[in-house]
């Protein structure tokens, strides 16, 4: 009886959700000017978020000119990187004076890190034992939905071939906020027999609009409580370290 009573409080705690780290991005006019490049699009960021308690991250996939290279970057342009500011969709990965390869981040916690290809990022995620939630950015319409068949074919190969190579040995989840990209993604993933990569994503309960410097994490406490009480298995957050600490003693 004593053993049962002692175990009761712990047994009553809900299961802890897996944390998916997301790098906060400012809102409003000229948000890109205030962006501190917190997104987990490079190995240093991946390791940092894991050290704060994340089991997965949400990162951003773009495509360079004519769908020639899938790269991990969040901004429409190269703002936040060394070199001339250019739209990512208008430059090549390794060719020309404005090439994306070799550029480094100029601000924020991951200053000095380079831009990585999708394949390189997946390898880093595998090494870290992390789940990858990948947003295909709206700008990728330029090549994924191109009127030129050869560009579409090459672009989709850049997105899906690395996933085909790895999805059986590491968890990868793909999605897009762009409805047309999302529909084509579902069609192509289904045809390839990889529908598992379309499910398993986290919920996004936070109510704050990110800014620099960041708003207080405490604004999200009620949303976190609701997510925990609802039995959410995976929760995405802009406040990885704070959420991880907040969960301690509230779940098991």
C-alpha atoms as a PDB file:
ATOM      1  CA  UNK A   1       0.000   0.000   0.000  1.00  0.00           C
ATOM      2  CA  UNK A   2       2.818   2.414   0.932  1.00  0.00           C
ATOM      3  CA  UNK A   3       4.582   1.741  -2.373  1.00  0.00           C
ATOM      4  CA  UNK A   4       1.348   2.384  -4.243  1.00  0.00           C
ATOM      5  CA  UNK A   5       0.760   5.684  -2.459  1.00  0.00           C
ATOM      6  CA  UNK A   6       4.291   6.886  -3.061  1.00  0.00           C
ATOM      7  CA  UNK A   7       4.006   6.088  -6.768  1.00  0.00           C
ATOM      8  CA  UNK A   8       0.648   7.796  -7.219  1.00  0.00           C
ATOM      9  CA  UNK A   9       1.788  11.422  -7.767  1.00  0.00           C
ATOM     10  CA  UNK A  10       4.324  10.410 -10.411  1.00  0.00           C
ATOM     11  CA  UNK A  11       1.855   8.096 -12.125  1.00  0.00           C
ATOM     12  CA  UNK A  12      -0.626  10.964 -12.394  1.00  0.00           C
ATOM     13  CA  UNK A  13       1.743  13.110 -14.453  1.00  0.00           C
ATOM     14  CA  UNK A  14       1.100  13.198 -18.210  1.00  0.00           C
ATOM     15  CA  UNK A  15       3.698  11.961 -20.674  1.00  0.00           C
ATOM     16  CA  UNK A  16       6.219  14.571 -21.734  1.00  0.00           C
ATOM     17  CA  UNK A  17       5.871  15.697 -25.352  1.00  0.00           C
ATOM     18  CA  UNK A  18       8.787  15.698 -27.726  1.00  0.00           C
ATOM     19  CA  UNK A  19      10.031  19.233 -28.295  1.00  0.00           C
ATOM     20  CA  UNK A  20      10.471  20.546 -31.828  1.00  0.00           C
ATOM     21  CA  UNK A  21      12.666  23.635 -31.938  1.00  0.00           C
ATOM     22  CA  UNK A  22      11.793  26.488 -34.264  1.00  0.00           C
ATOM     23  CA  UNK A  23      13.886  29.636 -34.623  1.00  0.00           C
ATOM     24  CA  UNK A  24      11.691  32.680 -34.010  1.00  0.00           C
ATOM     25  CA  UNK A  25      11.195  35.134 -36.860  1.00  0.00           C
ATOM     26  CA  UNK A  26       9.962  38.726 -36.410  1.00  0.00           C
ATOM     27  CA  UNK A  27       6.596  39.853 -37.765  1.00  0.00           C
ATOM     28  CA  UNK A  28       5.404  43.108 -39.291  1.00  0.00           C
ATOM     29  CA  UNK A  29       6.959  45.540 -41.749  1.00  0.00           C
ATOM     30  CA  UNK A  30      10.549  44.857 -42.817  1.00  0.00           C
ATOM     31  CA  UNK A  31      10.754  41.876 -40.462  1.00  0.00           C
ATOM     32  CA  UNK A  32      13.771  40.573 -42.357  1.00  0.00           C
ATOM     33  CA  UNK A  33      15.801  43.557 -41.145  1.00  0.00           C
ATOM     34  CA  UNK A  34      15.377  42.395 -37.534  1.00  0.00           C
ATOM     35  CA  UNK A  35      15.857  38.675 -38.202  1.00  0.00           C
ATOM     36  CA  UNK A  36      18.647  37.167 -36.076  1.00  0.00           C
ATOM     37  CA  UNK A  37      18.881  33.949 -38.147  1.00  0.00           C
ATOM     38  CA  UNK A  38      17.877  31.646 -35.298  1.00  0.00           C
ATOM     39  CA  UNK A  39      16.549  28.915 -37.603  1.00  0.00           C
ATOM     40  CA  UNK A  40      18.023  25.396 -37.182  1.00  0.00           C
ATOM     41  CA  UNK A  41      19.248  25.219 -40.766  1.00  0.00           C
ATOM     42  CA  UNK A  42      22.863  24.354 -39.938  1.00  0.00           C
ATOM     43  CA  UNK A  43      24.675  21.773 -37.756  1.00  0.00           C
ATOM     44  CA  UNK A  44      25.660  24.252 -35.030  1.00  0.00           C
ATOM     45  CA  UNK A  45      22.020  25.263 -34.578  1.00  0.00           C
ATOM     46  CA  UNK A  46      20.893  21.642 -34.577  1.00  0.00           C
ATOM     47  CA  UNK A  47      23.357  20.824 -31.808  1.00  0.00           C
ATOM     48  CA  UNK A  48      22.354  23.901 -29.817  1.00  0.00           C
ATOM     49  CA  UNK A  49      18.648  23.085 -29.887  1.00  0.00           C
ATOM     50  CA  UNK A  50      19.333  19.467 -28.997  1.00  0.00           C
ATOM     51  CA  UNK A  51      21.362  20.595 -25.976  1.00  0.00           C
ATOM     52  CA  UNK A  52      18.317  22.584 -24.844  1.00  0.00           C
ATOM     53  CA  UNK A  53      16.104  19.505 -24.923  1.00  0.00           C
ATOM     54  CA  UNK A  54      14.732  19.314 -28.473  1.00  0.00           C
ATOM     55  CA  UNK A  55      14.020  15.947 -30.089  1.00  0.00           C
ATOM     56  CA  UNK A  56      13.423  17.531 -33.488  1.00  0.00           C
ATOM     57  CA  UNK A  57      13.630  20.826 -35.321  1.00  0.00           C
ATOM     58  CA  UNK A  58      11.616  22.699 -37.928  1.00  0.00           C
ATOM     59  CA  UNK A  59      13.860  23.924 -40.727  1.00  0.00           C
ATOM     60  CA  UNK A  60      13.459  25.601 -44.115  1.00  0.00           C
ATOM     61  CA  UNK A  61      14.086  24.311 -47.620  1.00  0.00           C
ATOM     62  CA  UNK A  62      14.653  26.639 -50.565  1.00  0.00           C
ATOM     63  CA  UNK A  63      15.689  25.957 -54.142  1.00  0.00           C
ATOM     64  CA  UNK A  64      18.300  27.911 -56.045  1.00  0.00           C
ATOM     65  CA  UNK A  65      17.828  29.105 -59.623  1.00  0.00           C
ATOM     66  CA  UNK A  66      15.818  26.723 -61.812  1.00  0.00           C
ATOM     67  CA  UNK A  67      15.649  24.149 -59.019  1.00  0.00           C
ATOM     68  CA  UNK A  68      19.310  23.243 -59.312  1.00  0.00           C
ATOM     69  CA  UNK A  69      20.054  22.809 -55.590  1.00  0.00           C
ATOM     70  CA  UNK A  70      17.922  22.254 -52.490  1.00  0.00           C
ATOM     71  CA  UNK A  71      19.376  24.347 -49.673  1.00  0.00           C
ATOM     72  CA  UNK A  72      18.477  25.079 -46.068  1.00  0.00           C
ATOM     73  CA  UNK A  73      17.666  28.763 -45.740  1.00  0.00           C
ATOM     74  CA  UNK A  74      14.626  30.727 -44.550  1.00  0.00           C
ATOM     75  CA  UNK A  75      14.728  34.222 -46.027  1.00  0.00           C
ATOM     76  CA  UNK A  76      13.513  35.000 -49.546  1.00  0.00           C
ATOM     77  CA  UNK A  77      16.862  36.605 -50.236  1.00  0.00           C
ATOM     78  CA  UNK A  78      20.414  36.209 -49.005  1.00  0.00           C
ATOM     79  CA  UNK A  79      19.835  38.915 -46.378  1.00  0.00           C
ATOM     80  CA  UNK A  80      21.661  37.773 -43.257  1.00  0.00           C
ATOM     81  CA  UNK A  81      24.475  36.243 -45.306  1.00  0.00           C
ATOM     82  CA  UNK A  82      27.779  37.583 -46.581  1.00  0.00           C
ATOM     83  CA  UNK A  83      27.906  38.725 -50.168  1.00  0.00           C
ATOM     84  CA  UNK A  84      25.573  40.678 -52.419  1.00  0.00           C
ATOM     85  CA  UNK A  85      21.900  40.557 -51.472  1.00  0.00           C
ATOM     86  CA  UNK A  86      20.007  38.519 -54.079  1.00  0.00           C
ATOM     87  CA  UNK A  87      16.813  36.425 -54.140  1.00  0.00           C
ATOM     88  CA  UNK A  88      17.746  32.789 -53.528  1.00  0.00           C
ATOM     89  CA  UNK A  89      15.719  31.741 -56.589  1.00  0.00           C
ATOM     90  CA  UNK A  90      17.890  33.944 -58.837  1.00  0.00           C
ATOM     91  CA  UNK A  91      21.313  32.594 -57.947  1.00  0.00           C
ATOM     92  CA  UNK A  92      23.174  29.328 -58.455  1.00  0.00           C
ATOM     93  CA  UNK A  93      24.577  27.140 -55.707  1.00  0.00           C
ATOM     94  CA  UNK A  94      28.209  27.156 -56.825  1.00  0.00           C
ATOM     95  CA  UNK A  95      28.405  29.121 -60.081  1.00  0.00           C
ATOM     96  CA  UNK A  96      28.736  32.843 -60.701  1.00  0.00           C
ATOM     97  CA  UNK A  97      29.859  35.805 -58.605  1.00  0.00           C
ATOM     98  CA  UNK A  98      26.716  35.688 -56.451  1.00  0.00           C
ATOM     99  CA  UNK A  99      26.810  31.931 -55.720  1.00  0.00           C
ATOM    100  CA  UNK A 100      25.206  30.778 -52.479  1.00  0.00           C
ATOM    101  CA  UNK A 101      27.829  28.179 -51.565  1.00  0.00           C
ATOM    102  CA  UNK A 102      30.365  29.458 -49.050  1.00  0.00           C
ATOM    103  CA  UNK A 103      28.321  32.414 -47.827  1.00  0.00           C
ATOM    104  CA  UNK A 104      28.188  32.704 -44.052  1.00  0.00           C
ATOM    105  CA  UNK A 105      25.665  34.066 -41.555  1.00  0.00           C
ATOM    106  CA  UNK A 106      26.442  37.637 -40.501  1.00  0.00           C
ATOM    107  CA  UNK A 107      24.395  38.031 -37.294  1.00  0.00           C
ATOM    108  CA  UNK A 108      22.766  36.265 -34.381  1.00  0.00           C
ATOM    109  CA  UNK A 109      23.693  33.173 -32.370  1.00  0.00           C
ATOM    110  CA  UNK A 110      24.898  31.172 -35.374  1.00  0.00           C
ATOM    111  CA  UNK A 111      27.039  33.860 -36.961  1.00  0.00           C
ATOM    112  CA  UNK A 112      29.772  32.393 -39.160  1.00  0.00           C
ATOM    113  CA  UNK A 113      27.875  29.221 -40.073  1.00  0.00           C
ATOM    114  CA  UNK A 114      27.548  28.438 -43.763  1.00  0.00           C
ATOM    115  CA  UNK A 115      24.485  27.596 -45.836  1.00  0.00           C
ATOM    116  CA  UNK A 116      24.054  23.834 -46.213  1.00  0.00           C
ATOM    117  CA  UNK A 117      22.461  21.667 -48.860  1.00  0.00           C
ATOM    118  CA  UNK A 118      19.436  19.565 -47.972  1.00  0.00           C
ATOM    119  CA  UNK A 119      21.554  16.401 -48.112  1.00  0.00           C
ATOM    120  CA  UNK A 120      24.158  17.871 -45.780  1.00  0.00           C
ATOM    121  CA  UNK A 121      21.451  18.975 -43.347  1.00  0.00           C
ATOM    122  CA  UNK A 122      19.820  15.528 -43.318  1.00  0.00           C
ATOM    123  CA  UNK A 123      23.209  13.971 -42.558  1.00  0.00           C
ATOM    124  CA  UNK A 124      23.685  16.373 -39.640  1.00  0.00           C
ATOM    125  CA  UNK A 125      20.206  15.545 -38.334  1.00  0.00           C
ATOM    126  CA  UNK A 126      20.928  11.820 -38.561  1.00  0.00           C
ATOM    127  CA  UNK A 127      24.190  12.295 -36.679  1.00  0.00           C
ATOM    128  CA  UNK A 128      22.361  14.212 -33.938  1.00  0.00           C
ATOM    129  CA  UNK A 129      19.558  11.650 -33.719  1.00  0.00           C
ATOM    130  CA  UNK A 130      16.960  14.359 -34.380  1.00  0.00           C
ATOM    131  CA  UNK A 131      13.623  14.320 -36.226  1.00  0.00           C
ATOM    132  CA  UNK A 132      13.556  16.712 -39.179  1.00  0.00           C
ATOM    133  CA  UNK A 133      10.424  18.737 -39.913  1.00  0.00           C
ATOM    134  CA  UNK A 134      11.089  20.468 -43.230  1.00  0.00           C
ATOM    135  CA  UNK A 135       9.072  23.374 -44.566  1.00  0.00           C
ATOM    136  CA  UNK A 136       9.283  23.754 -48.336  1.00  0.00           C
ATOM    137  CA  UNK A 137       9.154  27.532 -48.654  1.00  0.00           C
ATOM    138  CA  UNK A 138       6.678  29.284 -50.934  1.00  0.00           C
ATOM    139  CA  UNK A 139       9.520  30.722 -53.032  1.00  0.00           C
ATOM    140  CA  UNK A 140      10.192  27.189 -54.296  1.00  0.00           C
ATOM    141  CA  UNK A 141       7.144  27.579 -56.581  1.00  0.00           C
ATOM    142  CA  UNK A 142       9.567  29.142 -59.040  1.00  0.00           C
ATOM    143  CA  UNK A 143      10.967  25.720 -59.875  1.00  0.00           C
ATOM    144  CA  UNK A 144       8.669  23.103 -58.305  1.00  0.00           C
ATOM    145  CA  UNK A 145       5.690  24.474 -60.237  1.00  0.00           C
ATOM    146  CA  UNK A 146       7.614  25.746 -63.254  1.00  0.00           C
ATOM    147  CA  UNK A 147       5.969  25.665 -66.677  1.00  0.00           C
ATOM    148  CA  UNK A 148       9.150  23.974 -67.933  1.00  0.00           C
ATOM    149  CA  UNK A 149       9.018  20.216 -67.353  1.00  0.00           C
ATOM    150  CA  UNK A 150      12.783  19.768 -67.076  1.00  0.00           C
ATOM    151  CA  UNK A 151      12.992  22.387 -64.315  1.00  0.00           C
ATOM    152  CA  UNK A 152      10.117  20.757 -62.401  1.00  0.00           C
ATOM    153  CA  UNK A 153      11.734  17.343 -62.685  1.00  0.00           C
ATOM    154  CA  UNK A 154      15.114  18.560 -61.487  1.00  0.00           C
ATOM    155  CA  UNK A 155      13.625  20.574 -58.629  1.00  0.00           C
ATOM    156  CA  UNK A 156      11.495  17.742 -57.277  1.00  0.00           C
ATOM    157  CA  UNK A 157      14.471  15.394 -57.526  1.00  0.00           C
ATOM    158  CA  UNK A 158      16.454  17.832 -55.366  1.00  0.00           C
ATOM    159  CA  UNK A 159      13.712  17.688 -52.743  1.00  0.00           C
ATOM    160  CA  UNK A 160      12.682  14.050 -52.823  1.00  0.00           C
ATOM    161  CA  UNK A 161      15.799  12.069 -53.787  1.00  0.00           C
ATOM    162  CA  UNK A 162      17.602  12.825 -50.478  1.00  0.00           C
ATOM    163  CA  UNK A 163      14.439  11.803 -48.621  1.00  0.00           C
ATOM    164  CA  UNK A 164      14.163   8.539 -50.575  1.00  0.00           C
ATOM    165  CA  UNK A 165      17.740   7.747 -49.607  1.00  0.00           C
ATOM    166  CA  UNK A 166      17.108   8.248 -45.881  1.00  0.00           C
ATOM    167  CA  UNK A 167      13.473   8.063 -44.813  1.00  0.00           C
ATOM    168  CA  UNK A 168      13.664   4.399 -43.802  1.00  0.00           C
ATOM    169  CA  UNK A 169      16.548   5.039 -41.406  1.00  0.00           C
ATOM    170  CA  UNK A 170      15.644   8.474 -40.020  1.00  0.00           C
ATOM    171  CA  UNK A 171      12.374  10.299 -39.485  1.00  0.00           C
ATOM    172  CA  UNK A 172      11.772  13.119 -41.966  1.00  0.00           C
ATOM    173  CA  UNK A 173       8.538  15.108 -42.243  1.00  0.00           C
ATOM    174  CA  UNK A 174       7.819  17.363 -45.218  1.00  0.00           C
ATOM    175  CA  UNK A 175       5.203  20.098 -45.486  1.00  0.00           C
ATOM    176  CA  UNK A 176       4.490  23.462 -47.105  1.00  0.00           C
ATOM    177  CA  UNK A 177       2.253  26.416 -46.284  1.00  0.00           C
ATOM    178  CA  UNK A 178       1.820  26.901 -50.021  1.00  0.00           C
ATOM    179  CA  UNK A 179      -1.321  24.961 -51.007  1.00  0.00           C
ATOM    180  CA  UNK A 180      -0.185  24.260 -54.565  1.00  0.00           C
ATOM    181  CA  UNK A 181       3.215  22.969 -53.456  1.00  0.00           C
ATOM    182  CA  UNK A 182       1.533  20.906 -50.715  1.00  0.00           C
ATOM    183  CA  UNK A 183      -0.845  19.281 -53.216  1.00  0.00           C
ATOM    184  CA  UNK A 184       1.961  18.404 -55.620  1.00  0.00           C
ATOM    185  CA  UNK A 185       4.101  17.162 -52.737  1.00  0.00           C
ATOM    186  CA  UNK A 186       1.341  14.801 -51.602  1.00  0.00           C
ATOM    187  CA  UNK A 187       0.879  13.515 -55.142  1.00  0.00           C
ATOM    188  CA  UNK A 188       4.571  12.821 -55.720  1.00  0.00           C
ATOM    189  CA  UNK A 189       5.259  11.385 -52.267  1.00  0.00           C
ATOM    190  CA  UNK A 190       2.264   9.059 -52.593  1.00  0.00           C
ATOM    191  CA  UNK A 191       3.452   7.880 -56.007  1.00  0.00           C
ATOM    192  CA  UNK A 192       6.858   7.106 -54.490  1.00  0.00           C
ATOM    193  CA  UNK A 193       5.313   5.114 -51.625  1.00  0.00           C
ATOM    194  CA  UNK A 194       6.605   7.526 -48.989  1.00  0.00           C
ATOM    195  CA  UNK A 195       3.378   8.857 -47.454  1.00  0.00           C
ATOM    196  CA  UNK A 196       4.866   8.431 -43.963  1.00  0.00           C
ATOM    197  CA  UNK A 197       6.892  11.630 -44.545  1.00  0.00           C
ATOM    198  CA  UNK A 198       3.666  13.673 -44.632  1.00  0.00           C
ATOM    199  CA  UNK A 199       2.580  12.965 -41.053  1.00  0.00           C
ATOM    200  CA  UNK A 200       3.840  13.100 -37.491  1.00  0.00           C
ATOM    201  CA  UNK A 201       4.380  16.825 -37.147  1.00  0.00           C
ATOM    202  CA  UNK A 202       4.000  18.736 -33.855  1.00  0.00           C
ATOM    203  CA  UNK A 203       1.273  21.112 -32.737  1.00  0.00           C
ATOM    204  CA  UNK A 204       2.149  24.824 -32.522  1.00  0.00           C
ATOM    205  CA  UNK A 205       0.418  26.168 -29.395  1.00  0.00           C
ATOM    206  CA  UNK A 206       2.340  29.389 -28.748  1.00  0.00           C
ATOM    207  CA  UNK A 207       0.467  32.684 -28.834  1.00  0.00           C
ATOM    208  CA  UNK A 208       3.355  35.167 -28.957  1.00  0.00           C
ATOM    209  CA  UNK A 209       4.367  37.008 -32.100  1.00  0.00           C
ATOM    210  CA  UNK A 210       8.138  36.778 -32.181  1.00  0.00           C
ATOM    211  CA  UNK A 211      10.180  39.934 -32.096  1.00  0.00           C
ATOM    212  CA  UNK A 212      13.783  40.924 -31.478  1.00  0.00           C
ATOM    213  CA  UNK A 213      14.516  41.007 -28.608  1.00  0.00           C
ATOM    214  CA  UNK A 214      12.148  38.094 -27.910  1.00  0.00           C
ATOM    215  CA  UNK A 215       8.931  38.607 -25.927  1.00  0.00           C
ATOM    216  CA  UNK A 216       8.723  36.894 -22.552  1.00  0.00           C
ATOM    217  CA  UNK A 217       8.222  33.145 -22.721  1.00  0.00           C
ATOM    218  CA  UNK A 218       5.728  33.483 -19.874  1.00  0.00           C
ATOM    219  CA  UNK A 219       3.140  34.762 -22.343  1.00  0.00           C
ATOM    220  CA  UNK A 220       2.894  31.174 -23.575  1.00  0.00           C
ATOM    221  CA  UNK A 221       2.417  29.400 -20.232  1.00  0.00           C
ATOM    222  CA  UNK A 222      -1.342  28.931 -20.605  1.00  0.00           C
ATOM    223  CA  UNK A 223      -0.899  27.615 -24.134  1.00  0.00           C
ATOM    224  CA  UNK A 224       1.755  25.169 -22.907  1.00  0.00           C
ATOM    225  CA  UNK A 225      -0.503  24.013 -20.099  1.00  0.00           C
ATOM    226  CA  UNK A 226      -3.343  23.379 -22.546  1.00  0.00           C
ATOM    227  CA  UNK A 227      -1.053  21.438 -24.879  1.00  0.00           C
ATOM    228  CA  UNK A 228       0.218  19.279 -22.031  1.00  0.00           C
ATOM    229  CA  UNK A 229      -3.267  18.642 -20.663  1.00  0.00           C
ATOM    230  CA  UNK A 230      -4.536  17.707 -24.121  1.00  0.00           C
ATOM    231  CA  UNK A 231      -1.944  14.934 -24.369  1.00  0.00           C
ATOM    232  CA  UNK A 232       0.063  16.475 -27.211  1.00  0.00           C
ATOM    233  CA  UNK A 233       2.860  14.115 -28.184  1.00  0.00           C
ATOM    234  CA  UNK A 234       4.930  16.683 -30.065  1.00  0.00           C
ATOM    235  CA  UNK A 235       5.055  20.432 -29.459  1.00  0.00           C
ATOM    236  CA  UNK A 236       6.889  23.042 -31.532  1.00  0.00           C
ATOM    237  CA  UNK A 237       8.280  26.091 -29.792  1.00  0.00           C
ATOM    238  CA  UNK A 238      10.359  29.221 -30.340  1.00  0.00           C
ATOM    239  CA  UNK A 239      11.431  28.959 -26.678  1.00  0.00           C
ATOM    240  CA  UNK A 240      13.209  25.616 -26.607  1.00  0.00           C
ATOM    241  CA  UNK A 241      15.280  25.962 -23.442  1.00  0.00           C
ATOM    242  CA  UNK A 242      12.495  27.660 -21.480  1.00  0.00           C
ATOM    243  CA  UNK A 243       9.865  25.126 -22.531  1.00  0.00           C
ATOM    244  CA  UNK A 244      12.178  22.225 -21.682  1.00  0.00           C
ATOM    245  CA  UNK A 245      12.791  23.679 -18.211  1.00  0.00           C
ATOM    246  CA  UNK A 246       9.093  24.465 -17.724  1.00  0.00           C
ATOM    247  CA  UNK A 247       8.146  20.827 -18.422  1.00  0.00           C
ATOM    248  CA  UNK A 248      10.316  19.516 -15.594  1.00  0.00           C
ATOM    249  CA  UNK A 249       8.066  18.225 -12.801  1.00  0.00           C
ATOM    250  CA  UNK A 250       4.962  18.647 -14.925  1.00  0.00           C
ATOM    251  CA  UNK A 251       5.303  15.474 -17.010  1.00  0.00           C
ATOM    252  CA  UNK A 252       7.224  12.223 -17.104  1.00  0.00           C
END
